[in-house]
Amino acid sequence: MLPREDLLQGSRRPGELTALIAQAEEALRTWQPVWTGFVAADLREEAEQRLGSLSELQLEASGGWPQAERRRLLLQRAELAAEPPPPAAADPTETAAIAAPAAPLMGLVVSGNFLFDPAEPGDVRAGLLAAGAEPGDLGDIWMRGDRGAQLIATPELAARLHGQPARVRTVDVQLEALPLEQLQLPAQRQARQLSSVEASLRLDAVGSAGFGLSRSRMAELVRSGAVRLNWQPVSSPSKELAVGDRLRLEGRGELELLEVQPTKRERWRVVLRRS
């Protein structure tokens, strides 16, 4: 058994971390790799910090593309991860030792006409949950203009929803399962540093500068629940930010506030890292 009390001490998400600990114990007990459902980025970071420090356990994460926010975790004994892959069997009928499985991921295309009722990834997620998905079934979601969205899902969910109708906001949509290589994945963002001078350190002011949006649009996204501050939901555009704060905007990546310096004209020069 793992030291649950120590692993859970100070956890921000003890209930979900407890479930991951149970899956880790299963992997250790059975000597079989275990894939979790998709987990949010803050839970993944906490699991990597706490479970990843255990010498007997190997933890890896996969979300279908390099900058995925929501990912599935692979939990397995460290001894299994350290073993070299078995040589190919000379006779194709021979059964070789089983290596750790590839990440079980599948694509799902959500097609519909959103020209008159634009949607955000959160709207698509809500529609799929209403169609029978569980939160752990759903990875990253990205919009494709007014044509719909694409996402990473578990193979089981993709197979179950393939060809089925669903509803996102007021739009009737069709669902199609596709291999990952057939999806149009989001463009990979290179981490870059930028600076700006702002009248205040309000979330909408700093966020609009970092994400390249108008301040009114940034405020609208905050109020709609599309923005998180230090992984926590935030609904007030006037929230004051401080050095070290991290903003996450669905579909647009992450913004970290690195430096804040007052100017002579009573404004603020901010240095940001966007990834």
Protein backbone atom coordinates (compact mmCIF):
# COMPACT_ATOMS: atom_id res chain seq x y z
CA MET A 1 0.00 0.00 0.00
CA LEU A 2 1.15 3.52 -0.76
CA PRO A 3 1.49 6.14 2.02
CA ARG A 4 -1.87 7.75 1.30
CA GLU A 5 -1.86 10.15 4.23
CA ASP A 6 1.49 11.61 3.21
CA LEU A 7 0.57 11.76 -0.47
CA LEU A 8 -2.71 13.56 0.26
CA GLN A 9 -1.35 16.06 2.78
CA GLY A 10 -2.00 19.59 1.49
CA SER A 11 -3.57 18.38 -1.77
CA ARG A 12 -5.78 20.86 -3.59
CA ARG A 13 -7.90 18.02 -5.01
CA PRO A 14 -7.80 15.22 -2.44
CA GLY A 15 -10.82 13.31 -3.76
CA GLU A 16 -9.48 13.00 -7.30
CA LEU A 17 -5.94 12.34 -6.09
CA THR A 18 -7.26 9.52 -3.89
CA ALA A 19 -8.73 7.87 -7.00
CA LEU A 20 -5.37 8.13 -8.78
CA ILE A 21 -3.59 6.63 -5.77
CA ALA A 22 -5.99 3.67 -5.89
CA GLN A 23 -5.17 3.14 -9.57
CA ALA A 24 -1.46 3.36 -8.82
CA GLU A 25 -1.86 0.70 -6.14
CA GLU A 26 -3.68 -1.49 -8.65
CA ALA A 27 -0.77 -1.13 -11.11
CA LEU A 28 1.73 -2.05 -8.40
CA ARG A 29 -0.34 -4.99 -7.13
CA THR A 30 -1.12 -6.55 -10.51
CA TRP A 31 2.09 -5.67 -12.35
CA GLN A 32 -0.14 -4.43 -15.17
CA PRO A 33 0.02 -0.87 -16.57
CA VAL A 34 -3.08 1.22 -15.79
CA TRP A 35 -4.35 4.15 -17.85
CA THR A 36 -6.45 6.73 -16.02
CA GLY A 37 -9.18 8.80 -17.61
CA PHE A 38 -8.33 12.32 -18.76
CA VAL A 39 -7.32 14.56 -15.88
CA ALA A 40 -7.10 18.33 -15.68
CA ALA A 41 -3.70 19.99 -15.85
CA ASP A 42 -3.57 21.01 -12.20
CA LEU A 43 -4.36 17.47 -11.05
CA ARG A 44 -1.77 16.08 -13.46
CA GLU A 45 0.88 18.44 -12.09
CA GLU A 46 0.02 17.42 -8.54
CA ALA A 47 0.07 13.72 -9.43
CA GLU A 48 3.42 14.08 -11.19
CA GLN A 49 4.86 15.83 -8.15
CA ARG A 50 3.49 13.42 -5.55
CA LEU A 51 3.19 10.03 -7.26
CA GLY A 52 6.12 10.68 -9.57
CA SER A 53 8.43 10.88 -6.58
CA LEU A 54 7.76 7.25 -5.62
CA SER A 55 10.69 5.01 -6.54
CA GLU A 56 8.52 1.98 -7.29
CA LEU A 57 6.12 3.81 -9.64
CA GLN A 58 6.54 5.16 -13.16
CA LEU A 59 4.14 7.88 -14.30
CA GLU A 60 3.72 9.20 -17.85
CA ALA A 61 1.10 11.49 -19.38
CA SER A 62 -0.36 11.63 -22.88
CA GLY A 63 -3.05 13.87 -24.33
CA GLY A 64 -2.77 13.32 -28.07
CA TRP A 65 -0.63 16.34 -28.94
CA PRO A 66 2.45 17.97 -27.32
CA GLN A 67 0.67 20.90 -25.64
CA ALA A 68 -2.42 19.04 -24.51
CA GLU A 69 -3.89 20.33 -21.28
CA ARG A 70 -6.06 17.36 -20.37
CA ARG A 71 -4.14 14.08 -20.42
CA ARG A 72 -4.40 10.42 -19.48
CA LEU A 73 -1.84 9.11 -17.02
CA LEU A 74 -0.02 5.82 -17.43
CA LEU A 75 0.77 4.22 -14.07
CA GLN A 76 3.07 1.21 -13.95
CA ARG A 77 5.79 -0.41 -11.92
CA ALA A 78 9.16 1.26 -12.41
CA GLU A 79 10.73 -2.15 -13.08
CA LEU A 80 8.49 -2.60 -16.11
CA ALA A 81 9.33 0.82 -17.50
CA ALA A 82 13.05 0.16 -17.08
CA GLU A 83 12.99 -3.12 -18.98
CA PRO A 84 14.19 -2.92 -22.60
CA PRO A 85 11.54 -3.72 -25.21
CA PRO A 86 11.41 -7.43 -26.04
CA PRO A 87 13.03 -8.52 -29.32
CA ALA A 88 10.70 -9.21 -32.21
CA ALA A 89 9.65 -12.84 -32.34
CA ALA A 90 11.20 -14.79 -35.24
CA ASP A 91 7.97 -16.73 -35.65
CA PRO A 92 4.98 -14.33 -35.94
CA THR A 93 2.85 -16.89 -34.11
CA GLU A 94 5.08 -16.66 -31.03
CA THR A 95 3.88 -14.45 -28.20
CA ALA A 96 6.48 -12.03 -26.86
CA ALA A 97 6.36 -10.23 -23.55
CA ILE A 98 3.86 -7.34 -23.56
CA ALA A 99 5.36 -3.85 -23.48
CA ALA A 100 3.56 -0.85 -22.00
CA PRO A 101 0.53 -0.07 -24.18
CA ALA A 102 0.33 2.97 -26.41
CA ALA A 103 -1.89 5.75 -25.12
CA PRO A 104 -5.54 4.74 -25.75
CA LEU A 105 -6.73 7.89 -27.51
CA MET A 106 -9.17 8.60 -30.33
CA GLY A 107 -10.39 11.68 -32.17
CA LEU A 108 -13.98 12.88 -32.27
CA VAL A 109 -15.34 15.42 -34.77
CA VAL A 110 -18.36 17.54 -33.82
CA SER A 111 -19.97 18.91 -36.99
CA GLY A 112 -22.67 21.57 -37.09
CA ASN A 113 -23.48 25.10 -38.25
CA PHE A 114 -22.48 27.55 -35.51
CA LEU A 115 -22.67 30.64 -37.72
CA PHE A 116 -25.62 32.10 -35.81
CA ASP A 117 -24.83 30.63 -32.38
CA PRO A 118 -21.05 30.61 -31.85
CA ALA A 119 -19.79 28.09 -29.29
CA GLU A 120 -16.74 27.76 -27.05
CA PRO A 121 -15.01 24.51 -26.05
CA GLY A 122 -16.92 24.56 -22.77
CA ASP A 123 -20.20 24.50 -24.68
CA VAL A 124 -19.05 21.46 -26.66
CA ARG A 125 -17.99 19.72 -23.46
CA ALA A 126 -21.40 20.39 -21.90
CA GLY A 127 -23.16 19.01 -24.97
CA LEU A 128 -21.11 15.81 -24.94
CA LEU A 129 -21.68 15.32 -21.22
CA ALA A 130 -25.41 15.65 -21.89
CA ALA A 131 -25.00 13.01 -24.62
CA GLY A 132 -23.63 10.51 -22.09
CA ALA A 133 -19.91 11.23 -21.83
CA GLU A 134 -18.14 11.23 -18.47
CA PRO A 135 -15.61 13.98 -17.63
CA GLY A 136 -12.75 11.48 -17.76
CA ASP A 137 -13.75 10.51 -21.31
CA LEU A 138 -12.94 13.96 -22.73
CA GLY A 139 -9.53 15.42 -23.51
CA ASP A 140 -8.75 18.74 -25.18
CA ILE A 141 -11.41 20.39 -27.34
CA TRP A 142 -10.75 23.04 -29.99
CA MET A 143 -13.14 24.92 -32.25
CA ARG A 144 -13.00 24.96 -36.06
CA GLY A 145 -14.68 28.29 -36.75
CA ASP A 146 -18.41 28.03 -37.34
CA ARG A 147 -18.19 24.41 -38.56
CA GLY A 148 -17.91 22.78 -35.15
CA ALA A 149 -15.09 21.32 -33.12
CA GLN A 150 -12.63 18.48 -32.77
CA LEU A 151 -11.42 16.78 -29.62
CA ILE A 152 -9.42 13.94 -28.11
CA ALA A 153 -11.48 11.25 -26.38
CA THR A 154 -11.23 7.75 -25.03
CA PRO A 155 -11.67 5.08 -27.74
CA GLU A 156 -14.67 3.70 -25.86
CA LEU A 157 -16.52 7.03 -25.92
CA ALA A 158 -15.60 7.74 -29.56
CA ALA A 159 -16.95 4.34 -30.62
CA ARG A 160 -20.13 4.79 -28.60
CA LEU A 161 -20.91 8.27 -30.00
CA HIS A 162 -19.81 7.66 -33.60
CA GLY A 163 -22.64 8.52 -35.97
CA GLN A 164 -24.86 9.77 -33.16
CA PRO A 165 -26.63 13.15 -33.04
CA ALA A 166 -26.11 15.54 -30.16
CA ARG A 167 -26.84 19.16 -29.32
CA VAL A 168 -24.39 21.96 -28.51
CA ARG A 169 -26.11 25.13 -27.32
CA THR A 170 -28.99 25.43 -29.84
CA VAL A 171 -27.14 23.62 -32.66
CA ASP A 172 -27.81 20.02 -33.68
CA VAL A 173 -24.50 18.28 -34.39
CA GLN A 174 -23.24 14.98 -35.75
CA LEU A 175 -20.39 13.05 -34.14
CA GLU A 176 -17.71 11.13 -36.03
CA ALA A 177 -14.83 9.09 -34.58
CA LEU A 178 -11.48 9.50 -36.34
CA PRO A 179 -7.90 8.33 -35.70
CA LEU A 180 -5.72 11.07 -34.21
CA GLU A 181 -3.64 11.36 -37.38
CA GLN A 182 -6.74 12.44 -39.31
CA LEU A 183 -7.56 15.33 -36.98
CA GLN A 184 -6.49 18.90 -37.68
CA LEU A 185 -4.65 19.42 -34.41
CA PRO A 186 -4.22 22.92 -32.98
CA ALA A 187 -1.09 24.77 -34.05
CA GLN A 188 1.72 24.18 -31.59
CA ARG A 189 2.64 27.32 -29.69
CA GLN A 190 6.26 28.17 -29.04
CA ALA A 191 6.75 29.64 -25.56
CA ARG A 192 7.61 33.30 -25.90
CA GLN A 193 8.14 36.27 -23.63
CA LEU A 194 6.44 39.61 -24.19
CA SER A 195 6.04 42.89 -22.37
CA SER A 196 3.33 45.51 -22.23
CA VAL A 197 2.46 48.68 -20.35
CA GLU A 198 -0.99 48.59 -18.76
CA ALA A 199 -3.07 51.06 -16.77
CA SER A 200 -3.81 48.38 -14.16
CA LEU A 201 -3.09 44.80 -13.20
CA ARG A 202 -6.68 43.73 -13.72
CA LEU A 203 -7.14 40.27 -15.16
CA ASP A 204 -8.90 41.57 -18.27
CA ALA A 205 -6.15 44.15 -18.96
CA VAL A 206 -3.22 41.76 -18.56
CA GLY A 207 -5.03 38.88 -20.24
CA SER A 208 -6.01 40.94 -23.28
CA ALA A 209 -2.39 42.01 -23.76
CA GLY A 210 -1.03 38.50 -23.38
CA PHE A 211 -3.61 36.65 -25.46
CA GLY A 212 -3.96 39.33 -28.14
CA LEU A 213 -7.67 39.97 -27.54
CA SER A 214 -9.67 43.12 -27.00
CA ARG A 215 -10.25 43.94 -23.36
CA SER A 216 -14.02 43.60 -23.77
CA ARG A 217 -13.62 40.14 -25.35
CA MET A 218 -11.29 39.06 -22.54
CA ALA A 219 -13.80 40.24 -19.94
CA GLU A 220 -16.56 38.34 -21.75
CA LEU A 221 -14.51 35.13 -21.73
CA VAL A 222 -13.79 35.52 -18.02
CA ARG A 223 -17.47 35.94 -17.22
CA SER A 224 -18.37 32.91 -19.36
CA GLY A 225 -16.05 30.65 -17.34
CA ALA A 226 -13.47 30.07 -20.11
CA VAL A 227 -10.58 31.44 -18.02
CA ARG A 228 -8.89 29.97 -14.96
CA LEU A 229 -6.48 31.68 -12.60
CA ASN A 230 -3.89 29.37 -11.06
CA TRP A 231 -6.10 26.46 -12.21
CA GLN A 232 -9.10 27.81 -10.30
CA PRO A 233 -12.30 29.15 -11.93
CA VAL A 234 -12.45 32.94 -11.99
CA SER A 235 -15.43 35.06 -12.99
CA SER A 236 -14.33 38.61 -12.17
CA PRO A 237 -12.49 40.53 -14.93
CA SER A 238 -11.40 43.09 -12.32
CA LYS A 239 -9.39 40.54 -10.30
CA GLU A 240 -5.91 41.98 -9.59
CA LEU A 241 -2.98 39.81 -10.66
CA ALA A 242 0.43 39.37 -9.03
CA VAL A 243 3.81 38.02 -10.10
CA GLY A 244 3.64 34.24 -10.50
CA ASP A 245 -0.03 34.13 -11.41
CA ARG A 246 -0.94 31.83 -14.32
CA LEU A 247 -3.92 32.37 -16.60
CA ARG A 248 -5.34 29.57 -18.70
CA LEU A 249 -7.70 30.37 -21.57
CA GLU A 250 -9.42 27.42 -23.22
CA GLY A 251 -8.07 26.94 -26.72
CA ARG A 252 -5.41 29.66 -26.42
CA GLY A 253 -2.91 28.26 -23.94
CA GLU A 254 -1.35 29.69 -20.79
CA LEU A 255 -0.06 33.05 -19.67
CA GLU A 256 2.32 33.55 -16.73
CA LEU A 257 3.01 36.93 -15.14
CA LEU A 258 6.80 37.07 -14.69
CA GLU A 259 7.53 40.67 -13.70
CA VAL A 260 5.66 43.84 -12.69
CA GLN A 261 7.33 47.27 -12.58
CA PRO A 262 5.64 50.65 -11.96
CA THR A 263 6.32 53.37 -14.54
CA LYS A 264 6.77 57.09 -13.99
CA ARG A 265 3.29 57.73 -15.33
CA GLU A 266 1.62 55.54 -12.72
CA ARG A 267 1.14 52.62 -15.06
CA TRP A 268 2.49 49.08 -14.94
CA ARG A 269 5.08 47.45 -17.16
CA VAL A 270 4.39 43.71 -17.18
CA VAL A 271 6.53 40.89 -18.52
CA LEU A 272 4.57 37.81 -19.57
CA ARG A 273 5.37 34.32 -20.83
CA ARG A 274 2.84 32.78 -23.16
CA SER A 275 2.88 29.07 -23.91
